[in-house]
Every structure is written in structure tokens, then in C-alpha cells.
Amino acid sequence: MHEREFTIYANNPELEFFCDLDDICAKSICENELEIPQECIRKIECFEDAFKIYLTPSRKYYRDDWYVNLCRLEYVS
């Protein structure tokens, strides 16, 4: 089964955070930098030094570029 939850850490070398990590910033990063379609995001939780992305349950996006990049990015974290 493929992952549907991803934790992205603020100190990740692949991303540069230019704002305080809050819900608005995390949503912006997901949509603009990670290019995750809004309809694929179920929920975003923010923590002090990371945020967690919960994706909608679907198999249709497993081969999409944004999903593959997200898997790689979380592995780097």
C-alpha cells in the first residue's frame, strides 16, 4: 500500500521556508512549491518544526510527478 501521509520538516534542504510555519504557509507550500492539487489534500497539520500532509485516498495520483517528488522529498527529510 502506498503512503498517504507525509511529514515535511522545516530544515529540509530541498525546500526553503521564508515564513513562519503555520497552516497558511504549509498550504501555500503544498500548492505552490510541491504542486499538490488541492483536491488531493485531505488535511494539513502543522507542528513547530514540520507539517504533515494527509492525502485523499485514491490510486489515481501514484504515478503523478508531484506524488513521486513528494515521496522523494519525505525520504530526504
PDB file of N, CA and C in Angstrom:
ATOM      1  N   MET A   1       0.843  -1.185   0.000  1.00  0.00           N
ATOM      2  CA  MET A   1       0.000   0.000   0.000  1.00  0.00           C
ATOM      3  C   MET A   1       0.883   1.242   0.000  1.00  0.00           C
ATOM      4  N   HIS A   2       0.518   2.218  -0.781  1.00  0.00           N
ATOM      5  CA  HIS A   2       1.282   3.454  -0.871  1.00  0.00           C
ATOM      6  C   HIS A   2       0.955   4.388   0.289  1.00  0.00           C
ATOM      7  N   GLU A   3       1.915   5.252   0.596  1.00  0.00           N
ATOM      8  CA  GLU A   3       1.740   6.225   1.669  1.00  0.00           C
ATOM      9  C   GLU A   3       0.694   7.264   1.291  1.00  0.00           C
ATOM     10  N   ARG A   4      -0.063   7.681   2.269  1.00  0.00           N
ATOM     11  CA  ARG A   4      -0.998   8.780   2.081  1.00  0.00           C
ATOM     12  C   ARG A   4      -0.771   9.866   3.111  1.00  0.00           C
ATOM     13  N   GLU A   5       0.270   9.711   3.930  1.00  0.00           N
ATOM     14  CA  GLU A   5       0.652  10.712   4.924  1.00  0.00           C
ATOM     15  C   GLU A   5       2.133  11.010   4.750  1.00  0.00           C
ATOM     16  N   PHE A   6       2.467  12.288   4.727  1.00  0.00           N
ATOM     17  CA  PHE A   6       3.854  12.705   4.539  1.00  0.00           C
ATOM     18  C   PHE A   6       4.202  13.776   5.551  1.00  0.00           C
ATOM     19  N   THR A   7       5.366  13.654   6.167  1.00  0.00           N
ATOM     20  CA  THR A   7       5.867  14.662   7.090  1.00  0.00           C
ATOM     21  C   THR A   7       7.006  15.402   6.412  1.00  0.00           C
ATOM     22  N   ILE A   8       6.880  16.718   6.355  1.00  0.00           N
ATOM     23  CA  ILE A   8       7.891  17.574   5.742  1.00  0.00           C
ATOM     24  C   ILE A   8       8.490  18.438   6.844  1.00  0.00           C
ATOM     25  N   TYR A   9       9.797  18.348   7.007  1.00  0.00           N
ATOM     26  CA  TYR A   9      10.485  19.093   8.063  1.00  0.00           C
ATOM     27  C   TYR A   9      10.981  20.437   7.545  1.00  0.00           C
ATOM     28  N   ALA A  10      10.950  21.435   8.409  1.00  0.00           N
ATOM     29  CA  ALA A  10      11.346  22.795   8.040  1.00  0.00           C
ATOM     30  C   ALA A  10      12.812  22.879   7.648  1.00  0.00           C
ATOM     31  N   ASN A  11      13.643  22.011   8.174  1.00  0.00           N
ATOM     32  CA  ASN A  11      15.073  22.059   7.850  1.00  0.00           C
ATOM     33  C   ASN A  11      15.426  21.210   6.625  1.00  0.00           C
ATOM     34  N   ASN A  12      14.443  20.820   5.849  1.00  0.00           N
ATOM     35  CA  ASN A  12      14.673  20.023   4.648  1.00  0.00           C
ATOM     36  C   ASN A  12      15.483  20.836   3.648  1.00  0.00           C
ATOM     37  N   PRO A  13      16.603  20.303   3.169  1.00  0.00           N
ATOM     38  CA  PRO A  13      17.460  21.056   2.246  1.00  0.00           C
ATOM     39  C   PRO A  13      16.827  21.298   0.873  1.00  0.00           C
ATOM     40  N   GLU A  14      15.796  20.544   0.526  1.00  0.00           N
ATOM     41  CA  GLU A  14      15.133  20.711  -0.772  1.00  0.00           C
ATOM     42  C   GLU A  14      14.159  21.886  -0.788  1.00  0.00           C
ATOM     43  N   LEU A  15      13.709  22.312   0.386  1.00  0.00           N
ATOM     44  CA  LEU A  15      12.763  23.422   0.493  1.00  0.00           C
ATOM     45  C   LEU A  15      13.376  24.534   1.322  1.00  0.00           C
ATOM     46  N   GLU A  16      13.047  25.754   0.969  1.00  0.00           N
ATOM     47  CA  GLU A  16      13.474  26.891   1.772  1.00  0.00           C
ATOM     48  C   GLU A  16      12.221  27.572   2.296  1.00  0.00           C
ATOM     49  N   PHE A  17      12.091  27.617   3.607  1.00  0.00           N
ATOM     50  CA  PHE A  17      10.932  28.253   4.210  1.00  0.00           C
ATOM     51  C   PHE A  17      11.230  29.722   4.444  1.00  0.00           C
ATOM     52  N   PHE A  18      10.405  30.587   3.890  1.00  0.00           N
ATOM     53  CA  PHE A  18      10.587  32.021   4.042  1.00  0.00           C
ATOM     54  C   PHE A  18       9.538  32.625   4.963  1.00  0.00           C
ATOM     55  N   CYS A  19       8.797  31.792   5.652  1.00  0.00           N
ATOM     56  CA  CYS A  19       7.748  32.296   6.535  1.00  0.00           C
ATOM     57  C   CYS A  19       7.688  31.399   7.767  1.00  0.00           C
ATOM     58  N   ASP A  20       7.008  31.895   8.784  1.00  0.00           N
ATOM     59  CA  ASP A  20       6.783  31.068   9.962  1.00  0.00           C
ATOM     60  C   ASP A  20       5.879  29.916   9.554  1.00  0.00           C
ATOM     61  N   LEU A  21       6.161  28.764  10.089  1.00  0.00           N
ATOM     62  CA  LEU A  21       5.404  27.576   9.713  1.00  0.00           C
ATOM     63  C   LEU A  21       4.054  27.581  10.417  1.00  0.00           C
ATOM     64  N   ASP A  22       3.013  27.853   9.665  1.00  0.00           N
ATOM     65  CA  ASP A  22       1.651  27.806  10.175  1.00  0.00           C
ATOM     66  C   ASP A  22       0.768  27.191   9.082  1.00  0.00           C
ATOM     67  N   ASP A  23      -0.524  27.101   9.339  1.00  0.00           N
ATOM     68  CA  ASP A  23      -1.430  26.453   8.389  1.00  0.00           C
ATOM     69  C   ASP A  23      -1.411  27.115   7.011  1.00  0.00           C
ATOM     70  N   ILE A  24      -1.398  28.442   6.999  1.00  0.00           N
ATOM     71  CA  ILE A  24      -1.425  29.173   5.732  1.00  0.00           C
ATOM     72  C   ILE A  24      -0.138  28.938   4.946  1.00  0.00           C
ATOM     73  N   CYS A  25       0.991  29.000   5.636  1.00  0.00           N
ATOM     74  CA  CYS A  25       2.286  28.768   4.992  1.00  0.00           C
ATOM     75  C   CYS A  25       2.373  27.331   4.464  1.00  0.00           C
ATOM     76  N   ALA A  26       1.970  26.359   5.264  1.00  0.00           N
ATOM     77  CA  ALA A  26       2.027  24.954   4.850  1.00  0.00           C
ATOM     78  C   ALA A  26       1.141  24.708   3.630  1.00  0.00           C
ATOM     79  N   LYS A  27      -0.049  25.295   3.630  1.00  0.00           N
ATOM     80  CA  LYS A  27      -0.955  25.131   2.488  1.00  0.00           C
ATOM     81  C   LYS A  27      -0.344  25.750   1.232  1.00  0.00           C
ATOM     82  N   SER A  28       0.267  26.911   1.379  1.00  0.00           N
ATOM     83  CA  SER A  28       0.916  27.579   0.256  1.00  0.00           C
ATOM     84  C   SER A  28       2.071  26.738  -0.296  1.00  0.00           C
ATOM     85  N   ILE A  29       2.871  26.167   0.583  1.00  0.00           N
ATOM     86  CA  ILE A  29       3.984  25.308   0.159  1.00  0.00           C
ATOM     87  C   ILE A  29       3.454  24.083  -0.593  1.00  0.00           C
ATOM     88  N   CYS A  30       2.388  23.484  -0.066  1.00  0.00           N
ATOM     89  CA  CYS A  30       1.809  22.302  -0.716  1.00  0.00           C
ATOM     90  C   CYS A  30       1.317  22.623  -2.127  1.00  0.00           C
ATOM     91  N   GLU A  31       0.630  23.746  -2.265  1.00  0.00           N
ATOM     92  CA  GLU A  31       0.029  24.072  -3.553  1.00  0.00           C
ATOM     93  C   GLU A  31       1.028  24.668  -4.539  1.00  0.00           C
ATOM     94  N   ASN A  32       1.930  25.519  -4.066  1.00  0.00           N
ATOM     95  CA  ASN A  32       2.814  26.254  -4.976  1.00  0.00           C
ATOM     96  C   ASN A  32       4.159  25.572  -5.209  1.00  0.00           C
ATOM     97  N   GLU A  33       4.832  25.174  -4.157  1.00  0.00           N
ATOM     98  CA  GLU A  33       6.161  24.575  -4.316  1.00  0.00           C
ATOM     99  C   GLU A  33       6.093  23.076  -4.590  1.00  0.00           C
ATOM    100  N   LEU A  34       5.222  22.380  -3.881  1.00  0.00           N
ATOM    101  CA  LEU A  34       5.116  20.931  -4.071  1.00  0.00           C
ATOM    102  C   LEU A  34       4.135  20.561  -5.179  1.00  0.00           C
ATOM    103  N   GLU A  35       3.323  21.532  -5.603  1.00  0.00           N
ATOM    104  CA  GLU A  35       2.369  21.377  -6.702  1.00  0.00           C
ATOM    105  C   GLU A  35       1.360  20.253  -6.472  1.00  0.00           C
ATOM    106  N   ILE A  36       0.931  20.098  -5.228  1.00  0.00           N
ATOM    107  CA  ILE A  36      -0.084  19.095  -4.902  1.00  0.00           C
ATOM    108  C   ILE A  36      -1.447  19.688  -5.244  1.00  0.00           C
ATOM    109  N   PRO A  37      -2.240  19.028  -6.073  1.00  0.00           N
ATOM    110  CA  PRO A  37      -3.573  19.547  -6.383  1.00  0.00           C
ATOM    111  C   PRO A  37      -4.417  19.645  -5.109  1.00  0.00           C
ATOM    112  N   GLN A  38      -5.151  20.726  -4.995  1.00  0.00           N
ATOM    113  CA  GLN A  38      -5.947  20.979  -3.799  1.00  0.00           C
ATOM    114  C   GLN A  38      -6.922  19.839  -3.512  1.00  0.00           C
ATOM    115  N   GLU A  39      -7.474  19.240  -4.556  1.00  0.00           N
ATOM    116  CA  GLU A  39      -8.450  18.167  -4.353  1.00  0.00           C
ATOM    117  C   GLU A  39      -7.818  16.885  -3.807  1.00  0.00           C
ATOM    118  N   CYS A  40      -6.495  16.792  -3.834  1.00  0.00           N
ATOM    119  CA  CYS A  40      -5.802  15.612  -3.305  1.00  0.00           C
ATOM    120  C   CYS A  40      -5.389  15.773  -1.844  1.00  0.00           C
ATOM    121  N   ILE A  41      -5.504  16.980  -1.311  1.00  0.00           N
ATOM    122  CA  ILE A  41      -5.125  17.237   0.081  1.00  0.00           C
ATOM    123  C   ILE A  41      -6.348  17.057   0.970  1.00  0.00           C
ATOM    124  N   ARG A  42      -6.264  16.096   1.879  1.00  0.00           N
ATOM    125  CA  ARG A  42      -7.360  15.873   2.819  1.00  0.00           C
ATOM    126  C   ARG A  42      -7.225  16.785   4.026  1.00  0.00           C
ATOM    127  N   LYS A  43      -5.974  16.881   4.548  1.00  0.00           N
ATOM    128  CA  LYS A  43      -5.749  17.669   5.761  1.00  0.00           C
ATOM    129  C   LYS A  43      -4.269  17.997   5.862  1.00  0.00           C
ATOM    130  N   ILE A  44      -3.967  19.138   6.502  1.00  0.00           N
ATOM    131  CA  ILE A  44      -2.587  19.530   6.788  1.00  0.00           C
ATOM    132  C   ILE A  44      -2.507  19.861   8.272  1.00  0.00           C
ATOM    133  N   GLU A  45      -1.545  19.262   8.963  1.00  0.00           N
ATOM    134  CA  GLU A  45      -1.301  19.558  10.382  1.00  0.00           C
ATOM    135  C   GLU A  45       0.059  20.214  10.515  1.00  0.00           C
ATOM    136  N   CYS A  46       0.123  21.305  11.265  1.00  0.00           N
ATOM    137  CA  CYS A  46       1.397  21.999  11.487  1.00  0.00           C
ATOM    138  C   CYS A  46       1.931  21.697  12.879  1.00  0.00           C
ATOM    139  N   PHE A  47       3.237  21.557  12.937  1.00  0.00           N
ATOM    140  CA  PHE A  47       3.946  21.374  14.188  1.00  0.00           C
ATOM    141  C   PHE A  47       5.029  22.442  14.258  1.00  0.00           C
ATOM    142  N   GLU A  48       5.783  22.473  15.320  1.00  0.00           N
ATOM    143  CA  GLU A  48       6.789  23.514  15.499  1.00  0.00           C
ATOM    144  C   GLU A  48       7.843  23.496  14.393  1.00  0.00           C
ATOM    145  N   ASP A  49       8.303  22.323  14.014  1.00  0.00           N
ATOM    146  CA  ASP A  49       9.390  22.237  13.035  1.00  0.00           C
ATOM    147  C   ASP A  49       9.050  21.387  11.808  1.00  0.00           C
ATOM    148  N   ALA A  50       7.764  21.125  11.607  1.00  0.00           N
ATOM    149  CA  ALA A  50       7.357  20.287  10.482  1.00  0.00           C
ATOM    150  C   ALA A  50       5.863  20.457  10.222  1.00  0.00           C
ATOM    151  N   PHE A  51       5.429  19.920   9.100  1.00  0.00           N
ATOM    152  CA  PHE A  51       3.994  19.805   8.874  1.00  0.00           C
ATOM    153  C   PHE A  51       3.719  18.464   8.221  1.00  0.00           C
ATOM    154  N   LYS A  52       2.513  17.965   8.442  1.00  0.00           N
ATOM    155  CA  LYS A  52       2.125  16.647   7.943  1.00  0.00           C
ATOM    156  C   LYS A  52       0.998  16.832   6.933  1.00  0.00           C
ATOM    157  N   ILE A  53       1.155  16.179   5.799  1.00  0.00           N
ATOM    158  CA  ILE A  53       0.170  16.244   4.729  1.00  0.00           C
ATOM    159  C   ILE A  53      -0.569  14.912   4.680  1.00  0.00           C
ATOM    160  N   TYR A  54      -1.884  14.967   4.742  1.00  0.00           N
ATOM    161  CA  TYR A  54      -2.727  13.783   4.595  1.00  0.00           C
ATOM    162  C   TYR A  54      -3.417  13.892   3.236  1.00  0.00           C
ATOM    163  N   LEU A  55      -3.231  12.894   2.400  1.00  0.00           N
ATOM    164  CA  LEU A  55      -3.828  12.905   1.071  1.00  0.00           C
ATOM    165  C   LEU A  55      -5.143  12.146   1.059  1.00  0.00           C
ATOM    166  N   THR A  56      -5.991  12.500   0.110  1.00  0.00           N
ATOM    167  CA  THR A  56      -7.245  11.779  -0.056  1.00  0.00           C
ATOM    168  C   THR A  56      -6.936  10.358  -0.531  1.00  0.00           C
ATOM    169  N   PRO A  57      -7.723   9.390  -0.111  1.00  0.00           N
ATOM    170  CA  PRO A  57      -7.464   8.011  -0.535  1.00  0.00           C
ATOM    171  C   PRO A  57      -7.819   7.821  -2.013  1.00  0.00           C
ATOM    172  N   SER A  58      -6.808   7.604  -2.813  1.00  0.00           N
ATOM    173  CA  SER A  58      -7.005   7.405  -4.245  1.00  0.00           C
ATOM    174  C   SER A  58      -5.756   6.750  -4.823  1.00  0.00           C
ATOM    175  N   ARG A  59      -5.938   5.981  -5.855  1.00  0.00           N
ATOM    176  CA  ARG A  59      -4.791   5.374  -6.536  1.00  0.00           C
ATOM    177  C   ARG A  59      -4.427   6.141  -7.800  1.00  0.00           C
ATOM    178  N   LYS A  60      -5.238   7.091  -8.173  1.00  0.00           N
ATOM    179  CA  LYS A  60      -5.037   7.760  -9.459  1.00  0.00           C
ATOM    180  C   LYS A  60      -3.791   8.630  -9.510  1.00  0.00           C
ATOM    181  N   TYR A  61      -3.282   9.096  -8.388  1.00  0.00           N
ATOM    182  CA  TYR A  61      -2.152  10.030  -8.412  1.00  0.00           C
ATOM    183  C   TYR A  61      -0.804   9.369  -8.134  1.00  0.00           C
ATOM    184  N   TYR A  62      -0.734   8.082  -7.960  1.00  0.00           N
ATOM    185  CA  TYR A  62       0.526   7.423  -7.594  1.00  0.00           C
ATOM    186  C   TYR A  62       1.632   7.574  -8.634  1.00  0.00           C
ATOM    187  N   ARG A  63       1.283   7.817  -9.858  1.00  0.00           N
ATOM    188  CA  ARG A  63       2.296   7.990 -10.910  1.00  0.00           C
ATOM    189  C   ARG A  63       2.479   9.456 -11.313  1.00  0.00           C
ATOM    190  N   ASP A  64       1.733  10.347 -10.683  1.00  0.00           N
ATOM    191  CA  ASP A  64       1.868  11.776 -10.996  1.00  0.00           C
ATOM    192  C   ASP A  64       3.206  12.300 -10.498  1.00  0.00           C
ATOM    193  N   ASP A  65       3.752  13.258 -11.217  1.00  0.00           N
ATOM    194  CA  ASP A  65       5.059  13.821 -10.860  1.00  0.00           C
ATOM    195  C   ASP A  65       5.083  14.383  -9.445  1.00  0.00           C
ATOM    196  N   TRP A  66       4.024  15.114  -9.063  1.00  0.00           N
ATOM    197  CA  TRP A  66       4.028  15.741  -7.741  1.00  0.00           C
ATOM    198  C   TRP A  66       4.072  14.678  -6.637  1.00  0.00           C
ATOM    199  N   TYR A  67       3.399  13.530  -6.857  1.00  0.00           N
ATOM    200  CA  TYR A  67       3.379  12.475  -5.846  1.00  0.00           C
ATOM    201  C   TYR A  67       4.749  11.807  -5.730  1.00  0.00           C
ATOM    202  N   VAL A  68       5.373  11.532  -6.859  1.00  0.00           N
ATOM    203  CA  VAL A  68       6.712  10.929  -6.859  1.00  0.00           C
ATOM    204  C   VAL A  68       7.702  11.870  -6.176  1.00  0.00           C
ATOM    205  N   ASN A  69       7.621  13.159  -6.491  1.00  0.00           N
ATOM    206  CA  ASN A  69       8.502  14.143  -5.853  1.00  0.00           C
ATOM    207  C   ASN A  69       8.245  14.242  -4.356  1.00  0.00           C
ATOM    208  N   LEU A  70       6.985  14.150  -3.956  1.00  0.00           N
ATOM    209  CA  LEU A  70       6.646  14.187  -2.534  1.00  0.00           C
ATOM    210  C   LEU A  70       7.234  12.978  -1.811  1.00  0.00           C
ATOM    211  N   CYS A  71       7.183  11.818  -2.426  1.00  0.00           N
ATOM    212  CA  CYS A  71       7.785  10.616  -1.833  1.00  0.00           C
ATOM    213  C   CYS A  71       9.287  10.798  -1.660  1.00  0.00           C
ATOM    214  N   ARG A  72       9.933  11.348  -2.659  1.00  0.00           N
ATOM    215  CA  ARG A  72      11.379  11.590  -2.578  1.00  0.00           C
ATOM    216  C   ARG A  72      11.705  12.634  -1.523  1.00  0.00           C
ATOM    217  N   LEU A  73      10.918  13.685  -1.473  1.00  0.00           N
ATOM    218  CA  LEU A  73      11.157  14.767  -0.524  1.00  0.00           C
ATOM    219  C   LEU A  73      11.016  14.266   0.905  1.00  0.00           C
ATOM    220  N   GLU A  74      10.002  13.455   1.171  1.00  0.00           N
ATOM    221  CA  GLU A  74       9.831  12.944   2.525  1.00  0.00           C
ATOM    222  C   GLU A  74      10.976  12.004   2.883  1.00  0.00           C
ATOM    223  N   TYR A  75      11.477  11.258   1.914  1.00  0.00           N
ATOM    224  CA  TYR A  75      12.612  10.369   2.160  1.00  0.00           C
ATOM    225  C   TYR A  75      13.851  11.182   2.541  1.00  0.00           C
ATOM    226  N   VAL A  76      14.046  12.325   1.891  1.00  0.00           N
ATOM    227  CA  VAL A  76      15.178  13.204   2.199  1.00  0.00           C
ATOM    228  C   VAL A  76      15.035  13.778   3.598  1.00  0.00           C
ATOM    229  N   SER A  77      13.792  14.071   4.000  1.00  0.00           N
ATOM    230  CA  SER A  77      13.556  14.637   5.328  1.00  0.00           C
ATOM    231  C   SER A  77      14.018  13.660   6.367  1.00  0.00           C
TER     232      SER A  77
END
